[in-house]
Amino acid sequence: MQFDDNANLDTSEVQDVRGSRIPGGKATIGGGLAGLLALFMGLFFGVGPENLGLTSGNDEPSATSSSAAQVQESCKTGQDANSKEDCRMVAVVNSVQDFWRQEFPRRGARYSDAQTVFFTNRVGTACGQASSAVGPFYCPGDRKVYLDLGFFDELRTKFGSSGGPFAQAYVVAHEYGHHIQNQMGTLQRSQDGRTGENSNAVKVELQADCYAGVWARQATTTRDPQTGRPLITELTDADIKDGLDAAAAVGDDRIQERFQGRVTPESWTHGSAQQRQQWFYQGFRSGDMAQCNTFR
């Protein structure tokens, strides 16, 4: 995956609170059984931590005061994105949102922007406080994506993904898929409390995978509104393979087998490795969000 070296990155789409202290004491996701559940469930790329039942609903957001100071200093151009991980994530956020801003009007709708928050260890959100154990997530309460960049090392070392820049981009695009669902009114279908391979929770996650694939299909043709050129200049077959590999690595069956030694489909919340690959590729092959109806 390559970015246009001369492109200007929009760091206003990212809040960088790495290293900030979180008021209100420790996060409610901790050790013991709660921490184990967070590890098993949160690292499947879910929506906000309130769905784990492990957070306080009265916590005030603490990330809103940041002005992305760290990334503003170091992430200015596509050349920075090609050489620095956090700048690459800024560029991916820019590309994903450029695509959806252009796609929604084609469907008679208006896209509402969502910021991504970079944090370390723990963060306060409108959905409550969360630790890094939850993994990347989207909070519908404040319409933000939350990401501890250290997760990408765990994706490779703990979950067996081949890694690579596009595996990281897939994670971000998946979370923005939840933002799309929130705007379209489908995200709440996952909140009926049911689990299992045919549950709404799984269908919501697979649809977010499909939306990530739709963006990937269009990424190299989506033009930066400032330059008139695509921000992402190249996606190779190897990049897409890395994305598919990451999708498989976080399949419910793969994670259950790795961490508990057995597969229990009745407790699935995100879908099998095969399903996640299938729906990501469905979006990538078609490039059409209308082909992402996992509820049909």
Protein backbone atom coordinates (compact mmCIF):
# COMPACT_ATOMS: atom_id res chain seq x y z
CA MET A 1 0.00 0.00 0.00
CA GLN A 2 1.48 3.31 -1.12
CA PHE A 3 0.37 6.89 -0.61
CA ASP A 4 0.94 9.92 -2.80
CA ASP A 5 4.15 11.43 -1.36
CA ASN A 6 2.96 14.95 -2.13
CA ALA A 7 -0.51 14.64 -0.61
CA ASN A 8 -1.36 16.72 2.45
CA LEU A 9 -2.70 14.77 5.42
CA ASP A 10 -5.69 16.10 7.37
CA THR A 11 -4.78 15.53 11.02
CA SER A 12 -8.00 17.22 12.18
CA GLU A 13 -9.68 13.85 11.63
CA VAL A 14 -7.55 12.31 14.39
CA GLN A 15 -7.32 13.09 18.11
CA ASP A 16 -4.04 11.99 19.65
CA VAL A 17 -4.32 11.41 23.40
CA ARG A 18 -1.50 8.92 23.74
CA GLY A 19 0.12 9.31 27.13
CA SER A 20 -2.74 11.37 28.59
CA ARG A 21 -3.99 10.70 32.09
CA ILE A 22 -7.60 9.59 32.30
CA PRO A 23 -9.61 11.28 35.09
CA GLY A 24 -11.97 9.31 37.26
CA GLY A 25 -9.68 6.47 38.32
CA LYS A 26 -8.96 3.16 36.70
CA ALA A 27 -10.96 1.75 33.82
CA THR A 28 -13.63 -0.74 34.75
CA ILE A 29 -12.24 -3.37 32.39
CA GLY A 30 -9.65 -5.16 34.47
CA GLY A 31 -8.18 -8.49 35.38
CA GLY A 32 -9.80 -11.76 36.31
CA LEU A 33 -12.86 -12.99 34.45
CA ALA A 34 -13.79 -9.52 33.21
CA GLY A 35 -10.37 -9.02 31.68
CA LEU A 36 -10.45 -12.45 30.08
CA LEU A 37 -13.85 -11.75 28.53
CA ALA A 38 -12.59 -8.42 27.27
CA LEU A 39 -9.64 -10.16 25.64
CA PHE A 40 -11.83 -12.79 23.98
CA MET A 41 -14.65 -10.48 22.94
CA GLY A 42 -13.20 -7.03 22.58
CA LEU A 43 -10.37 -7.99 20.28
CA PHE A 44 -12.79 -9.11 17.61
CA PHE A 45 -13.07 -5.49 16.38
CA GLY A 46 -16.36 -4.65 18.02
CA VAL A 47 -18.37 -1.59 18.67
CA GLY A 48 -18.05 0.27 21.95
CA PRO A 49 -17.16 -1.24 25.30
CA GLU A 50 -20.70 -0.84 26.59
CA ASN A 51 -21.54 -3.99 24.64
CA LEU A 52 -19.19 -5.97 26.89
CA GLY A 53 -21.13 -4.89 29.96
CA LEU A 54 -17.86 -3.89 31.64
CA THR A 55 -17.99 -0.10 31.72
CA SER A 56 -19.69 2.62 33.69
CA GLY A 57 -22.35 4.40 31.70
CA ASN A 58 -21.79 7.64 33.62
CA ASP A 59 -18.15 8.23 32.62
CA GLU A 60 -17.51 11.53 30.87
CA PRO A 61 -15.51 11.49 27.65
CA SER A 62 -11.90 12.44 28.34
CA ALA A 63 -10.46 12.40 24.85
CA THR A 64 -12.34 15.39 23.50
CA SER A 65 -9.86 18.00 24.70
CA SER A 66 -7.00 16.81 22.49
CA SER A 67 -6.01 18.68 19.36
CA ALA A 68 -3.96 15.84 17.86
CA ALA A 69 -0.76 17.57 18.93
CA GLN A 70 1.58 14.64 18.31
CA VAL A 71 0.39 13.71 14.85
CA GLN A 72 0.09 17.35 13.82
CA GLU A 73 3.82 17.72 14.27
CA SER A 74 4.93 14.59 12.47
CA CYS A 75 2.18 13.70 9.96
CA LYS A 76 1.97 16.28 7.22
CA THR A 77 2.31 14.50 3.87
CA GLY A 78 1.83 11.19 2.14
CA GLN A 79 5.57 10.70 2.39
CA ASP A 80 5.16 10.67 6.19
CA ALA A 81 2.39 8.08 5.80
CA ASN A 82 4.72 5.87 3.78
CA SER A 83 7.33 5.88 6.56
CA LYS A 84 5.51 6.19 9.92
CA GLU A 85 2.81 3.94 11.33
CA ASP A 86 0.73 6.61 13.07
CA CYS A 87 0.87 8.82 9.98
CA ARG A 88 -0.22 5.85 7.89
CA MET A 89 -3.29 5.50 10.10
CA VAL A 90 -4.05 9.20 9.63
CA ALA A 91 -3.84 8.72 5.87
CA VAL A 92 -6.11 5.66 6.00
CA VAL A 93 -8.69 7.60 8.01
CA ASN A 94 -8.50 10.40 5.43
CA SER A 95 -8.95 7.96 2.54
CA VAL A 96 -11.82 6.07 4.15
CA GLN A 97 -13.72 9.25 4.94
CA ASP A 98 -13.02 10.77 1.53
CA PHE A 99 -14.63 7.69 0.01
CA TRP A 100 -17.74 7.73 2.19
CA ARG A 101 -18.17 11.49 1.74
CA GLN A 102 -18.37 10.90 -1.99
CA GLU A 103 -20.39 7.68 -1.80
CA PHE A 104 -23.25 8.91 0.39
CA PRO A 105 -24.36 11.76 -1.94
CA ARG A 106 -24.52 9.26 -4.80
CA ARG A 107 -27.17 7.53 -2.72
CA GLY A 108 -29.06 10.68 -1.81
CA ALA A 109 -27.62 10.96 1.69
CA ARG A 110 -25.04 13.03 3.55
CA TYR A 111 -22.06 11.52 5.33
CA SER A 112 -21.28 12.73 8.85
CA ASP A 113 -17.57 12.75 9.72
CA ALA A 114 -16.14 10.66 12.57
CA GLN A 115 -12.82 11.23 14.29
CA THR A 116 -10.37 8.52 15.25
CA VAL A 117 -8.79 8.73 18.70
CA PHE A 118 -5.27 7.35 19.24
CA PHE A 119 -4.79 6.29 22.87
CA THR A 120 -2.56 4.14 25.04
CA ASN A 121 -3.62 1.78 27.84
CA ARG A 122 -7.04 3.28 28.57
CA VAL A 123 -9.40 5.98 27.40
CA GLY A 124 -12.64 7.66 28.44
CA THR A 125 -15.46 7.75 25.92
CA ALA A 126 -19.17 8.53 25.75
CA CYS A 127 -19.64 4.76 26.03
CA GLY A 128 -17.65 4.62 29.29
CA GLN A 129 -14.01 3.98 30.06
CA ALA A 130 -12.14 1.26 28.19
CA SER A 131 -8.73 -0.37 28.38
CA SER A 132 -6.57 -1.43 25.47
CA ALA A 133 -7.73 -5.01 26.09
CA VAL A 134 -10.98 -4.15 24.32
CA GLY A 135 -9.07 -3.64 21.08
CA PRO A 136 -10.12 -1.15 18.39
CA PHE A 137 -13.75 -0.10 18.74
CA TYR A 138 -16.37 2.39 17.61
CA CYS A 139 -18.45 4.27 20.17
CA PRO A 140 -21.84 5.31 18.76
CA GLY A 141 -22.35 7.66 21.71
CA ASP A 142 -19.71 10.11 20.49
CA ARG A 143 -19.31 8.76 16.95
CA LYS A 144 -15.60 8.15 17.28
CA VAL A 145 -13.26 5.26 16.48
CA TYR A 146 -10.80 4.39 19.26
CA LEU A 147 -7.46 2.79 18.49
CA ASP A 148 -4.41 1.81 20.53
CA LEU A 149 -1.71 1.36 17.88
CA GLY A 150 -0.12 -1.34 20.03
CA PHE A 151 -2.97 -3.59 18.93
CA PHE A 152 -1.32 -4.12 15.58
CA ASP A 153 1.59 -5.92 17.22
CA GLU A 154 -0.90 -8.16 19.02
CA LEU A 155 -2.74 -8.84 15.79
CA ARG A 156 0.43 -10.43 14.50
CA THR A 157 1.93 -11.98 17.66
CA LYS A 158 -1.20 -13.10 19.54
CA PHE A 159 -3.62 -13.76 16.72
CA GLY A 160 -1.30 -15.03 14.01
CA SER A 161 -2.03 -12.49 11.32
CA SER A 162 0.67 -11.95 8.71
CA GLY A 163 0.41 -8.25 9.51
CA GLY A 164 1.39 -5.54 7.07
CA PRO A 165 0.14 -2.03 6.40
CA PHE A 166 -3.07 -3.10 4.74
CA ALA A 167 -3.98 -5.45 7.60
CA GLN A 168 -3.92 -2.31 9.74
CA ALA A 169 -5.97 -0.40 7.19
CA TYR A 170 -8.58 -3.18 7.20
CA VAL A 171 -9.02 -2.73 10.96
CA VAL A 172 -9.62 1.00 10.60
CA ALA A 173 -11.97 0.57 7.64
CA HIS A 174 -13.95 -2.06 9.57
CA GLU A 175 -14.51 0.34 12.46
CA TYR A 176 -15.68 3.03 10.05
CA GLY A 177 -18.04 0.40 8.71
CA HIS A 178 -19.75 0.58 12.12
CA HIS A 179 -19.97 4.34 11.73
CA ILE A 180 -21.73 3.83 8.41
CA GLN A 181 -24.13 1.42 10.10
CA ASN A 182 -24.79 3.93 12.86
CA GLN A 183 -25.79 6.54 10.31
CA MET A 184 -27.98 4.07 8.43
CA GLY A 185 -29.75 2.81 11.55
CA THR A 186 -28.52 -0.79 11.34
CA LEU A 187 -25.95 -0.76 14.13
CA GLN A 188 -28.51 -1.12 16.90
CA ARG A 189 -29.52 -4.51 15.55
CA SER A 190 -26.45 -5.94 17.29
CA GLN A 191 -27.67 -4.83 20.70
CA ASP A 192 -30.41 -7.40 21.25
CA GLY A 193 -28.12 -9.44 23.49
CA ARG A 194 -28.14 -12.56 21.32
CA THR A 195 -25.07 -14.45 20.16
CA GLY A 196 -24.44 -17.29 17.74
CA GLU A 197 -23.42 -17.78 14.13
CA ASN A 198 -26.79 -16.52 12.83
CA SER A 199 -27.23 -13.68 15.33
CA ASN A 200 -27.65 -10.03 14.46
CA ALA A 201 -24.38 -9.33 16.28
CA VAL A 202 -22.54 -11.49 13.75
CA LYS A 203 -24.42 -10.00 10.80
CA VAL A 204 -23.51 -6.47 11.88
CA GLU A 205 -19.82 -7.38 12.11
CA LEU A 206 -19.80 -9.13 8.75
CA GLN A 207 -21.45 -6.14 7.14
CA ALA A 208 -18.72 -3.89 8.55
CA ASP A 209 -16.17 -6.25 6.99
CA CYS A 210 -18.00 -5.92 3.68
CA TYR A 211 -18.00 -2.13 3.90
CA ALA A 212 -14.24 -2.26 4.52
CA GLY A 213 -13.92 -4.25 1.31
CA VAL A 214 -16.02 -1.72 -0.62
CA TRP A 215 -13.64 1.05 0.44
CA ALA A 216 -10.61 -1.08 -0.49
CA ARG A 217 -12.02 -1.59 -3.99
CA GLN A 218 -12.37 2.15 -4.49
CA ALA A 219 -9.34 3.33 -2.51
CA THR A 220 -7.01 3.94 -5.45
CA THR A 221 -9.67 5.80 -7.44
CA THR A 222 -11.12 7.94 -4.63
CA ARG A 223 -9.71 11.42 -5.25
CA ASP A 224 -8.46 13.74 -2.57
CA PRO A 225 -10.71 16.83 -2.83
CA GLN A 226 -7.71 19.15 -2.39
CA THR A 227 -5.33 17.66 -4.96
CA GLY A 228 -7.76 15.93 -7.28
CA ARG A 229 -5.53 12.84 -7.08
CA PRO A 230 -6.03 9.60 -5.13
CA LEU A 231 -4.36 9.63 -1.72
CA ILE A 232 -3.66 5.90 -2.03
CA THR A 233 -1.76 5.26 -5.24
CA GLU A 234 -1.27 1.50 -5.05
CA LEU A 235 -2.93 -1.56 -3.52
CA THR A 236 -1.39 -4.84 -4.57
CA ASP A 237 -2.74 -8.38 -4.50
CA ALA A 238 -0.39 -8.97 -1.56
CA ASP A 239 -2.05 -6.10 0.32
CA ILE A 240 -5.51 -7.58 -0.17
CA LYS A 241 -4.17 -10.96 0.92
CA ASP A 242 -2.91 -9.35 4.13
CA GLY A 243 -6.37 -7.89 4.68
CA LEU A 244 -8.03 -11.26 4.15
CA ASP A 245 -5.51 -12.88 6.48
CA ALA A 246 -6.27 -10.32 9.20
CA ALA A 247 -10.01 -10.91 8.77
CA ALA A 248 -9.48 -14.64 9.22
CA ALA A 249 -7.18 -14.20 12.22
CA VAL A 250 -9.97 -12.51 14.18
CA GLY A 251 -12.70 -14.98 13.25
CA ASP A 252 -14.58 -16.25 16.29
CA ASP A 253 -13.59 -19.84 15.61
CA ARG A 254 -9.89 -19.01 15.25
CA ILE A 255 -9.81 -16.97 18.46
CA GLN A 256 -11.79 -19.53 20.45
CA GLU A 257 -9.55 -22.34 19.29
CA ARG A 258 -6.43 -20.35 20.13
CA PHE A 259 -7.49 -19.11 23.57
CA GLN A 260 -9.91 -21.71 24.91
CA GLY A 261 -9.03 -24.80 22.90
CA ARG A 262 -12.51 -25.41 21.52
CA VAL A 263 -15.01 -23.77 19.18
CA THR A 264 -18.46 -22.82 20.48
CA PRO A 265 -20.55 -21.35 17.63
CA GLU A 266 -23.43 -20.54 19.96
CA SER A 267 -21.31 -17.81 21.57
CA TRP A 268 -20.07 -16.19 18.37
CA THR A 269 -20.39 -12.42 18.09
CA HIS A 270 -18.37 -11.63 14.96
CA GLY A 271 -18.44 -14.63 12.63
CA SER A 272 -16.04 -17.36 11.58
CA ALA A 273 -12.75 -16.81 9.79
CA GLN A 274 -14.34 -18.01 6.56
CA GLN A 275 -17.33 -15.69 6.93
CA ARG A 276 -15.18 -12.66 7.66
CA GLN A 277 -13.00 -13.32 4.65
CA GLN A 278 -16.04 -14.00 2.49
CA TRP A 279 -17.77 -10.72 3.33
CA PHE A 280 -14.64 -8.59 3.09
CA TYR A 281 -14.01 -10.07 -0.35
CA GLN A 282 -17.68 -9.61 -1.30
CA GLY A 283 -17.27 -5.89 -0.71
CA PHE A 284 -13.93 -5.76 -2.48
CA ARG A 285 -15.11 -7.74 -5.48
CA SER A 286 -18.31 -5.73 -5.97
CA GLY A 287 -17.24 -2.28 -4.77
CA ASP A 288 -20.94 -1.78 -3.99
CA MET A 289 -22.31 -1.31 -0.48
CA ALA A 290 -25.69 -2.56 -1.73
CA GLN A 291 -24.05 -6.00 -1.95
CA CYS A 292 -23.33 -5.95 1.80
CA ASN A 293 -26.78 -6.93 3.04
CA THR A 294 -25.79 -9.60 5.53
CA PHE A 295 -29.30 -9.54 6.99
CA ARG A 296 -30.88 -10.85 3.80
